[in-house]
Amino acid sequence: MNYQETTEWMFKQLPMYQLQGASAYKKDLTNIYLLEDHLGNPHQNLKCIHVAGTNGKGSTSHMLASVLQESGYKVGLYTSPHLKDFRERIKINGLEIPENEVCDFINSNKDFFETNEISFFEMTVGLAFDYFAKEKVDVAIIEVGMGGRLDATNIITPLVSVITNIALDHTQFLGNTMEAIAIEKAGIIKPNIPVIIGEYTPKTKPVFLAKANENHSEIYFASDLITENPPSDLLGEYQIHNKKTVLQTLQLLNQQNEFVISPANIKNGLLHVVKNTGLLGRWQQLGEFPKIICDTAHNKNGLEIVLDQIQKEQFENLHIVLGVVNDKDLDEILPLFPKNAFYYFCKPNIPRGLDAKILQEKAKRHGLNGNTYSSVNEAFVSAKKNSTKNDFIYIGGSTFVVAETLVI
């Protein structure tokens, strides 16, 4: 199979949470251990940083990667989901895994995947570990897919565990309280391995402290320990919290004497995250007159920050291209959106995408008015057509809406 055929087989034949939802969620780590044993346990040959959290784990992972690259290290970076190309998930020093590496891995192990019903996410994690080990990276930054305790990435023993924050998301899998979700995220805390907590609440802090104590793990609360806010090319206001988490993690890595990271490396790394890693979709500007911003924030916690930042912008009229997935709690997120905007409702082009007419009807109940469109592309084109140079266009609601915008 060529690259297109290979990725089509991966997407269509195997469960993938981003497309299918609940059917892709595994209840234990049996399959990933089975796969890693089949591959020769490449994860055991890696020095890793493990990053979990409800929001910010992607930005945090990319900032860490950028700083370590500026420090002269060969850095593997595993994140999900991708926006434009599957290969975005697996990078070394900002370069995506070559197409032939993906094809060779899948073609060589296809029979094993099918026989053992290895999921899309499990095979992707296996590919990342195998590729990073083969390329002998100095460090691998591994972002959790969902949760932590039962996530396929949770077979690693990292140098440090990082949990950015806790918010109500994926509640059908992780629990419907902050404490329950914190327990799942805290599942990445390993015996005698330090853990960095980016943000906490009165409900989540006791969970983290108890888990760290149980594992004899040093725990650091970055929001209490770091006061600096160095400049970065990642411009969303929510990056203030992520930068504190990154700075605390880098400080700890320096203390461990695993890496040598200078203040200049940190400064340059934070200033050149996009150039060094290729990160997309975080308060990303697509146009100037009118100003066009897309952002992958999709749950209440993330959207509150992004929508607050929009209100601080200067504009005459606000246009919002909005699409969501069908398991989104609309009564939780729609009240956050401004009523003084015109909406372009659309359906992301995936099986889980919510029909634009349903979204329009739900939004109208919350005082949000606009038209429906047959695609993200049509909605975006209409928003641009209806805007003047002094207007503001925001595109969001779902990672998949942003992904389709970036390929237009």
Protein backbone atom coordinates (compact mmCIF):
# COMPACT_ATOMS: atom_id res chain seq x y z
CA MET A 1 0.00 0.00 0.00
CA ASN A 2 1.17 3.54 -0.72
CA TYR A 3 0.86 6.31 1.89
CA GLN A 4 -2.69 7.35 0.97
CA GLU A 5 -3.86 3.74 0.91
CA THR A 6 -2.12 3.05 4.20
CA THR A 7 -3.69 5.97 6.06
CA GLU A 8 -7.10 5.23 4.55
CA TRP A 9 -6.82 1.68 5.83
CA MET A 10 -5.85 2.96 9.29
CA PHE A 11 -8.76 5.40 9.43
CA LYS A 12 -11.45 3.15 7.98
CA GLN A 13 -10.62 -0.28 9.34
CA LEU A 14 -9.82 0.45 12.95
CA PRO A 15 -11.63 2.31 15.76
CA MET A 16 -10.47 5.87 16.23
CA TYR A 17 -11.99 8.00 18.98
CA GLN A 18 -11.80 11.24 17.00
CA LEU A 19 -14.06 9.79 14.30
CA GLN A 20 -16.18 7.20 16.04
CA GLY A 21 -16.32 8.11 19.72
CA ALA A 22 -17.01 5.48 22.35
CA SER A 23 -16.25 2.42 20.22
CA ALA A 24 -12.57 3.37 20.13
CA TYR A 25 -12.09 3.64 23.90
CA LYS A 26 -10.19 0.73 25.45
CA LYS A 27 -10.71 -0.25 29.08
CA ASP A 28 -7.22 -1.57 29.75
CA LEU A 29 -3.63 -1.55 28.46
CA THR A 30 -3.48 -5.21 27.41
CA ASN A 31 -3.26 -4.49 23.69
CA ILE A 32 -0.52 -1.87 23.89
CA TYR A 33 1.63 -4.14 26.04
CA LEU A 34 1.02 -6.93 23.53
CA LEU A 35 1.99 -4.66 20.66
CA GLU A 36 5.09 -3.32 22.37
CA ASP A 37 6.23 -6.86 23.14
CA HIS A 38 5.73 -7.71 19.46
CA LEU A 39 7.86 -4.70 18.49
CA GLY A 40 10.62 -5.47 21.00
CA ASN A 41 9.52 -2.88 23.59
CA PRO A 42 11.06 0.19 21.94
CA HIS A 43 9.54 2.46 24.60
CA GLN A 44 12.00 1.03 27.12
CA ASN A 45 14.86 2.59 25.16
CA LEU A 46 13.49 6.11 25.34
CA LYS A 47 13.91 8.99 27.77
CA CYS A 48 10.42 10.48 27.93
CA ILE A 49 8.42 13.41 29.24
CA HIS A 50 4.76 12.43 29.67
CA VAL A 51 2.16 15.19 29.27
CA ALA A 52 -1.52 14.86 30.25
CA GLY A 53 -4.32 17.32 31.01
CA THR A 54 -7.68 18.49 29.74
CA ASN A 55 -6.46 21.61 27.95
CA GLY A 56 -3.03 22.88 26.99
CA LYS A 57 -1.18 19.58 26.73
CA GLY A 58 -0.52 20.05 23.02
CA SER A 59 0.84 23.57 23.43
CA THR A 60 2.88 22.51 26.46
CA SER A 61 4.35 19.55 24.60
CA HIS A 62 5.31 21.70 21.62
CA MET A 63 6.90 24.39 23.82
CA LEU A 64 8.97 21.77 25.63
CA ALA A 65 10.04 20.30 22.31
CA SER A 66 11.02 23.70 20.95
CA VAL A 67 13.16 24.57 23.97
CA LEU A 68 14.91 21.19 23.95
CA GLN A 69 15.58 21.57 20.23
CA GLU A 70 17.10 25.00 20.86
CA SER A 71 19.25 23.28 23.51
CA GLY A 72 20.76 21.07 20.80
CA TYR A 73 18.89 17.82 21.45
CA LYS A 74 17.23 15.44 19.03
CA VAL A 75 13.62 15.60 20.16
CA GLY A 76 10.81 13.20 19.35
CA LEU A 77 7.30 14.63 19.70
CA TYR A 78 4.13 12.55 19.77
CA THR A 79 0.80 14.42 19.86
CA SER A 80 -2.79 13.99 18.73
CA PRO A 81 -5.02 14.57 16.93
CA HIS A 82 -3.58 15.82 13.66
CA LEU A 83 -5.09 18.73 11.74
CA LYS A 84 -3.96 18.29 8.12
CA ASP A 85 -1.85 15.13 7.81
CA PHE A 86 -1.54 12.04 10.01
CA ARG A 87 2.23 12.51 10.11
CA GLU A 88 1.83 15.64 12.27
CA ARG A 89 1.40 13.26 15.20
CA ILE A 90 4.97 11.98 15.04
CA LYS A 91 7.86 14.39 14.57
CA ILE A 92 11.58 14.61 15.24
CA ASN A 93 12.94 18.14 15.57
CA GLY A 94 9.84 19.46 13.88
CA LEU A 95 10.05 17.17 10.86
CA GLU A 96 7.12 14.82 10.30
CA ILE A 97 7.75 11.10 10.10
CA PRO A 98 8.41 10.18 6.43
CA GLU A 99 5.57 8.60 4.49
CA ASN A 100 7.61 5.47 3.81
CA GLU A 101 8.14 4.92 7.55
CA VAL A 102 4.38 4.91 8.11
CA CYS A 103 3.81 2.56 5.16
CA ASP A 104 6.59 0.15 6.16
CA PHE A 105 5.40 -0.05 9.76
CA ILE A 106 1.77 -0.70 8.87
CA ASN A 107 2.50 -3.11 6.03
CA SER A 108 4.98 -5.09 8.15
CA ASN A 109 2.60 -5.44 11.09
CA LYS A 110 -0.82 -5.42 9.39
CA ASP A 111 -1.52 -9.09 10.06
CA PHE A 112 -0.67 -8.64 13.75
CA PHE A 113 -2.93 -5.57 14.00
CA GLU A 114 -5.86 -7.38 12.44
CA THR A 115 -5.41 -10.61 14.40
CA ASN A 116 -5.18 -8.80 17.74
CA GLU A 117 -7.66 -5.99 16.99
CA ILE A 118 -5.11 -3.28 17.70
CA SER A 119 -6.82 0.13 17.70
CA PHE A 120 -5.85 3.12 15.59
CA PHE A 121 -4.44 4.93 18.61
CA GLU A 122 -2.52 1.89 19.86
CA MET A 123 -0.84 1.30 16.52
CA THR A 124 -0.01 5.00 16.26
CA VAL A 125 1.60 4.97 19.71
CA GLY A 126 3.54 1.83 18.74
CA LEU A 127 4.71 3.52 15.53
CA ALA A 128 5.91 6.57 17.45
CA PHE A 129 7.86 4.54 20.00
CA ASP A 130 9.36 2.34 17.27
CA TYR A 131 10.38 5.32 15.13
CA PHE A 132 11.83 7.35 18.00
CA ALA A 133 13.86 4.36 19.24
CA LYS A 134 15.14 3.56 15.77
CA GLU A 135 16.16 7.20 15.23
CA LYS A 136 17.81 7.32 18.68
CA VAL A 137 16.21 10.55 19.86
CA ASP A 138 17.70 12.15 22.96
CA VAL A 139 14.26 12.67 24.46
CA ALA A 140 10.67 11.88 23.48
CA ILE A 141 7.82 14.13 24.55
CA ILE A 142 4.70 11.99 24.69
CA GLU A 143 1.26 13.59 24.87
CA VAL A 144 -1.59 11.54 26.32
CA GLY A 145 -4.48 10.94 23.93
CA MET A 146 -7.31 10.98 26.47
CA GLY A 147 -7.36 10.58 30.23
CA GLY A 148 -4.12 9.04 31.40
CA ARG A 149 -4.56 5.95 33.52
CA LEU A 150 -5.85 3.80 30.64
CA ASP A 151 -4.24 5.72 27.79
CA ALA A 152 -2.00 3.67 25.50
CA THR A 153 0.91 6.03 26.17
CA ASN A 154 0.83 5.13 29.87
CA ILE A 155 3.25 2.23 29.55
CA ILE A 156 6.26 4.55 29.67
CA THR A 157 8.29 5.40 32.75
CA PRO A 158 9.17 9.05 32.10
CA LEU A 159 11.75 11.39 33.54
CA VAL A 160 8.88 13.61 34.64
CA SER A 161 5.10 13.52 34.43
CA VAL A 162 3.21 16.70 33.56
CA ILE A 163 -0.51 17.38 34.11
CA THR A 164 -1.55 20.74 32.70
CA ASN A 165 -5.04 21.13 34.19
CA ILE A 166 -8.39 19.47 34.80
CA ALA A 167 -11.73 20.45 33.30
CA LEU A 168 -14.96 18.64 32.48
CA ASP A 169 -14.42 16.97 29.11
CA HIS A 170 -14.91 13.43 27.77
CA THR A 171 -17.12 12.87 30.80
CA GLN A 172 -18.69 9.76 29.26
CA PHE A 173 -15.29 8.08 29.61
CA LEU A 174 -13.45 9.84 32.42
CA GLY A 175 -16.20 10.67 34.91
CA ASN A 176 -18.53 13.61 35.41
CA THR A 177 -16.79 15.32 38.33
CA MET A 178 -13.51 17.18 38.58
CA GLU A 179 -12.27 14.68 41.15
CA ALA A 180 -13.06 11.69 38.93
CA ILE A 181 -11.30 13.21 35.94
CA ALA A 182 -8.32 14.18 38.11
CA ILE A 183 -8.02 10.54 39.22
CA GLU A 184 -7.82 9.44 35.57
CA LYS A 185 -5.25 12.11 34.68
CA ALA A 186 -3.24 11.37 37.84
CA GLY A 187 -2.92 7.82 36.57
CA ILE A 188 0.25 8.87 34.75
CA ILE A 189 2.04 9.53 38.06
CA LYS A 190 4.63 6.77 38.47
CA PRO A 191 6.54 5.55 41.55
CA ASN A 192 9.42 7.88 42.42
CA ILE A 193 8.93 9.96 39.27
CA PRO A 194 8.34 13.70 39.89
CA VAL A 195 5.14 15.30 38.65
CA ILE A 196 4.42 18.87 37.58
CA ILE A 197 0.87 20.19 38.00
CA GLY A 198 0.11 23.21 35.82
CA GLU A 199 -3.19 24.34 37.34
CA TYR A 200 -5.31 22.96 40.15
CA THR A 201 -8.56 23.62 41.98
CA PRO A 202 -9.60 22.91 45.58
CA LYS A 203 -11.22 19.73 44.26
CA THR A 204 -8.30 18.43 42.21
CA LYS A 205 -5.32 19.34 44.39
CA PRO A 206 -6.07 16.68 47.07
CA VAL A 207 -6.31 14.05 44.32
CA PHE A 208 -2.87 14.95 42.98
CA LEU A 209 -1.32 15.11 46.44
CA ALA A 210 -2.73 11.71 47.41
CA LYS A 211 -1.51 10.03 44.22
CA ALA A 212 1.93 11.60 44.49
CA ASN A 213 2.19 10.53 48.14
CA GLU A 214 1.10 6.99 47.28
CA ASN A 215 3.86 6.79 44.64
CA HIS A 216 6.52 8.62 46.68
CA SER A 217 6.69 11.17 43.87
CA GLU A 218 7.81 14.76 44.33
CA ILE A 219 5.03 17.10 43.27
CA TYR A 220 5.38 20.67 42.00
CA PHE A 221 2.50 23.11 41.49
CA ALA A 222 3.76 25.36 38.70
CA SER A 223 1.11 28.05 39.17
CA ASP A 224 2.40 28.61 42.72
CA LEU A 225 6.10 28.39 41.94
CA ILE A 226 6.56 30.28 38.66
CA THR A 227 5.86 33.99 38.28
CA GLU A 228 7.57 34.70 34.95
CA ASN A 229 5.64 35.18 31.72
CA PRO A 230 8.26 35.23 28.95
CA PRO A 231 7.21 36.15 25.41
CA SER A 232 6.24 33.42 22.97
CA ASP A 233 5.01 33.14 19.41
CA LEU A 234 1.99 31.25 20.80
CA LEU A 235 -0.30 34.21 21.38
CA GLY A 236 -3.43 32.91 23.09
CA GLU A 237 -3.86 34.27 26.61
CA TYR A 238 -4.25 30.72 27.91
CA GLN A 239 -0.56 30.20 27.06
CA ILE A 240 0.35 32.12 30.24
CA HIS A 241 -0.56 29.01 32.27
CA ASN A 242 1.13 26.65 29.83
CA LYS A 243 4.36 28.64 29.94
CA LYS A 244 4.49 28.34 33.74
CA THR A 245 4.10 24.57 33.39
CA VAL A 246 6.87 24.46 30.81
CA LEU A 247 9.25 26.60 32.89
CA GLN A 248 8.74 24.42 35.96
CA THR A 249 9.35 21.27 33.92
CA LEU A 250 12.53 22.65 32.39
CA GLN A 251 13.76 23.73 35.81
CA LEU A 252 13.27 20.20 37.07
CA LEU A 253 15.01 18.66 34.05
CA ASN A 254 18.01 20.89 34.71
CA GLN A 255 18.03 19.80 38.35
CA GLN A 256 18.00 16.16 37.27
CA ASN A 257 21.16 16.80 35.21
CA GLU A 258 19.56 14.92 32.32
CA PHE A 259 19.85 17.93 30.02
CA VAL A 260 21.61 21.28 29.90
CA ILE A 261 19.06 23.98 29.15
CA SER A 262 20.21 27.60 29.30
CA PRO A 263 18.10 30.75 29.76
CA ALA A 264 18.88 31.62 26.14
CA ASN A 265 17.60 28.22 25.02
CA ILE A 266 14.38 28.80 26.92
CA LYS A 267 13.94 32.30 25.51
CA ASN A 268 14.55 31.23 21.91
CA GLY A 269 12.55 28.05 22.28
CA LEU A 270 9.46 29.90 23.46
CA LEU A 271 9.81 32.51 20.73
CA HIS A 272 10.09 29.97 17.93
CA VAL A 273 7.61 27.23 18.82
CA VAL A 274 5.77 27.35 15.49
CA LYS A 275 8.96 27.46 13.42
CA ASN A 276 10.63 24.66 15.42
CA THR A 277 7.65 22.32 15.76
CA GLY A 278 5.02 23.30 13.20
CA LEU A 279 2.25 23.68 15.78
CA LEU A 280 -1.06 24.76 14.24
CA GLY A 281 -4.46 25.97 15.41
CA ARG A 282 -3.66 27.78 18.66
CA TRP A 283 -4.95 31.36 18.31
CA GLN A 284 -3.61 31.12 14.77
CA GLN A 285 -4.05 34.18 12.59
CA LEU A 286 -5.17 33.44 9.04
CA GLY A 287 -5.83 36.98 7.85
CA GLU A 288 -5.39 40.62 8.84
CA PHE A 289 -8.11 42.75 7.19
CA PRO A 290 -10.45 41.43 8.45
CA LYS A 291 -8.55 39.75 11.26
CA ILE A 292 -9.19 36.00 11.09
CA ILE A 293 -8.37 33.74 14.04
CA CYS A 294 -8.86 29.99 14.39
CA ASP A 295 -8.44 28.07 17.62
CA THR A 296 -8.95 24.42 18.59
CA ALA A 297 -10.52 25.17 22.00
CA HIS A 298 -13.62 23.00 22.23
CA ASN A 299 -14.66 22.57 25.87
CA LYS A 300 -16.02 25.02 28.42
CA ASN A 301 -12.71 25.77 30.10
CA GLY A 302 -10.84 26.40 26.85
CA LEU A 303 -13.65 28.33 25.15
CA GLU A 304 -14.15 30.66 28.12
CA ILE A 305 -10.59 31.90 27.77
CA VAL A 306 -10.66 32.19 23.98
CA LEU A 307 -14.02 33.96 23.85
CA ASP A 308 -12.90 36.37 26.56
CA GLN A 309 -9.84 37.16 24.46
CA ILE A 310 -12.05 37.85 21.42
CA GLN A 311 -13.98 40.45 23.40
CA LYS A 312 -10.70 42.31 24.01
CA GLU A 313 -10.15 42.67 20.27
CA GLN A 314 -11.09 45.83 18.38
CA PHE A 315 -13.63 45.25 15.60
CA GLU A 316 -16.84 46.59 14.08
CA ASN A 317 -18.65 43.28 13.55
CA LEU A 318 -17.98 39.78 14.83
CA HIS A 319 -18.43 36.73 12.60
CA ILE A 320 -18.16 33.23 14.08
CA VAL A 321 -17.79 30.08 11.99
CA LEU A 322 -18.97 27.37 14.38
CA GLY A 323 -19.16 23.59 14.19
CA VAL A 324 -19.10 20.87 16.85
CA VAL A 325 -19.18 17.11 17.29
CA ASN A 326 -22.41 15.34 18.16
CA ASP A 327 -21.47 14.36 21.73
CA LYS A 328 -20.75 17.94 22.79
CA ASP A 329 -22.81 19.30 25.70
CA LEU A 330 -24.24 22.31 23.89
CA ASP A 331 -26.12 23.63 26.91
CA GLU A 332 -22.74 23.98 28.61
CA ILE A 333 -20.81 25.74 25.84
CA LEU A 334 -23.38 27.75 23.83
CA PRO A 335 -24.13 30.20 26.70
CA LEU A 336 -20.46 31.22 26.54
CA PHE A 337 -20.75 32.61 23.00
CA PRO A 338 -21.56 36.30 22.39
CA LYS A 339 -25.06 37.20 21.19
CA ASN A 340 -23.81 40.22 19.24
CA ALA A 341 -22.12 38.05 16.58
CA PHE A 342 -23.38 36.60 13.32
CA TYR A 343 -22.96 32.84 13.15
CA TYR A 344 -22.07 30.54 10.28
CA PHE A 345 -23.14 27.09 11.45
CA CYS A 346 -21.47 24.13 9.78
CA LYS A 347 -20.81 20.41 10.27
CA PRO A 348 -17.24 19.12 10.44
CA ASN A 349 -16.78 16.44 7.79
CA ILE A 350 -16.50 13.42 10.10
CA PRO A 351 -19.06 10.84 11.24
CA ARG A 352 -19.25 12.50 14.68
CA GLY A 353 -19.97 15.94 13.25
CA LEU A 354 -23.23 17.50 14.45
CA ASP A 355 -25.69 18.49 11.72
CA ALA A 356 -25.55 22.25 11.15
CA LYS A 357 -29.36 22.58 11.35
CA ILE A 358 -29.40 20.97 14.80
CA LEU A 359 -26.61 23.27 15.95
CA GLN A 360 -28.48 26.29 14.58
CA GLU A 361 -31.67 25.31 16.42
CA LYS A 362 -29.84 24.75 19.71
CA ALA A 363 -27.91 28.00 19.33
CA LYS A 364 -31.08 29.99 18.65
CA ARG A 365 -32.41 28.94 22.07
CA HIS A 366 -29.37 30.70 23.55
CA GLY A 367 -29.86 33.87 21.50
CA LEU A 368 -27.26 33.04 18.85
CA ASN A 369 -28.40 33.69 15.30
CA GLY A 370 -27.01 32.84 11.92
CA ASN A 371 -27.26 30.68 8.81
CA THR A 372 -26.34 27.08 8.11
CA TYR A 373 -23.86 25.92 5.50
CA SER A 374 -23.20 22.59 3.85
CA SER A 375 -19.49 22.60 4.72
CA VAL A 376 -16.85 24.38 6.76
CA ASN A 377 -15.42 25.74 3.52
CA GLU A 378 -18.74 27.26 2.46
CA ALA A 379 -19.24 28.80 5.91
CA PHE A 380 -15.74 30.30 5.92
CA VAL A 381 -16.08 31.70 2.40
CA SER A 382 -19.41 33.29 3.33
CA ALA A 383 -17.96 34.82 6.50
CA LYS A 384 -15.15 36.42 4.51
CA LYS A 385 -17.58 37.66 1.86
CA ASN A 386 -19.81 39.31 4.47
CA SER A 387 -16.95 40.95 6.38
CA THR A 388 -15.35 44.35 6.03
CA LYS A 389 -11.70 45.08 6.73
CA ASN A 390 -12.54 46.25 10.28
CA ASP A 391 -14.42 43.09 11.24
CA PHE A 392 -13.23 40.01 13.14
CA ILE A 393 -13.76 36.38 12.08
CA TYR A 394 -13.37 33.53 14.56
CA ILE A 395 -13.37 29.89 13.48
CA GLY A 396 -13.75 27.18 16.11
CA GLY A 397 -15.89 24.93 18.24
CA SER A 398 -14.06 21.79 17.18
CA THR A 399 -10.56 20.66 16.27
CA PHE A 400 -12.05 19.32 13.05
CA VAL A 401 -13.51 22.67 12.00
CA VAL A 402 -10.06 24.22 12.40
CA ALA A 403 -8.47 21.31 10.52
CA GLU A 404 -10.76 21.80 7.53
CA THR A 405 -10.14 25.56 7.58
CA LEU A 406 -6.38 25.05 7.41
CA VAL A 407 -6.61 22.95 4.24
CA ILE A 408 -8.90 25.40 2.41
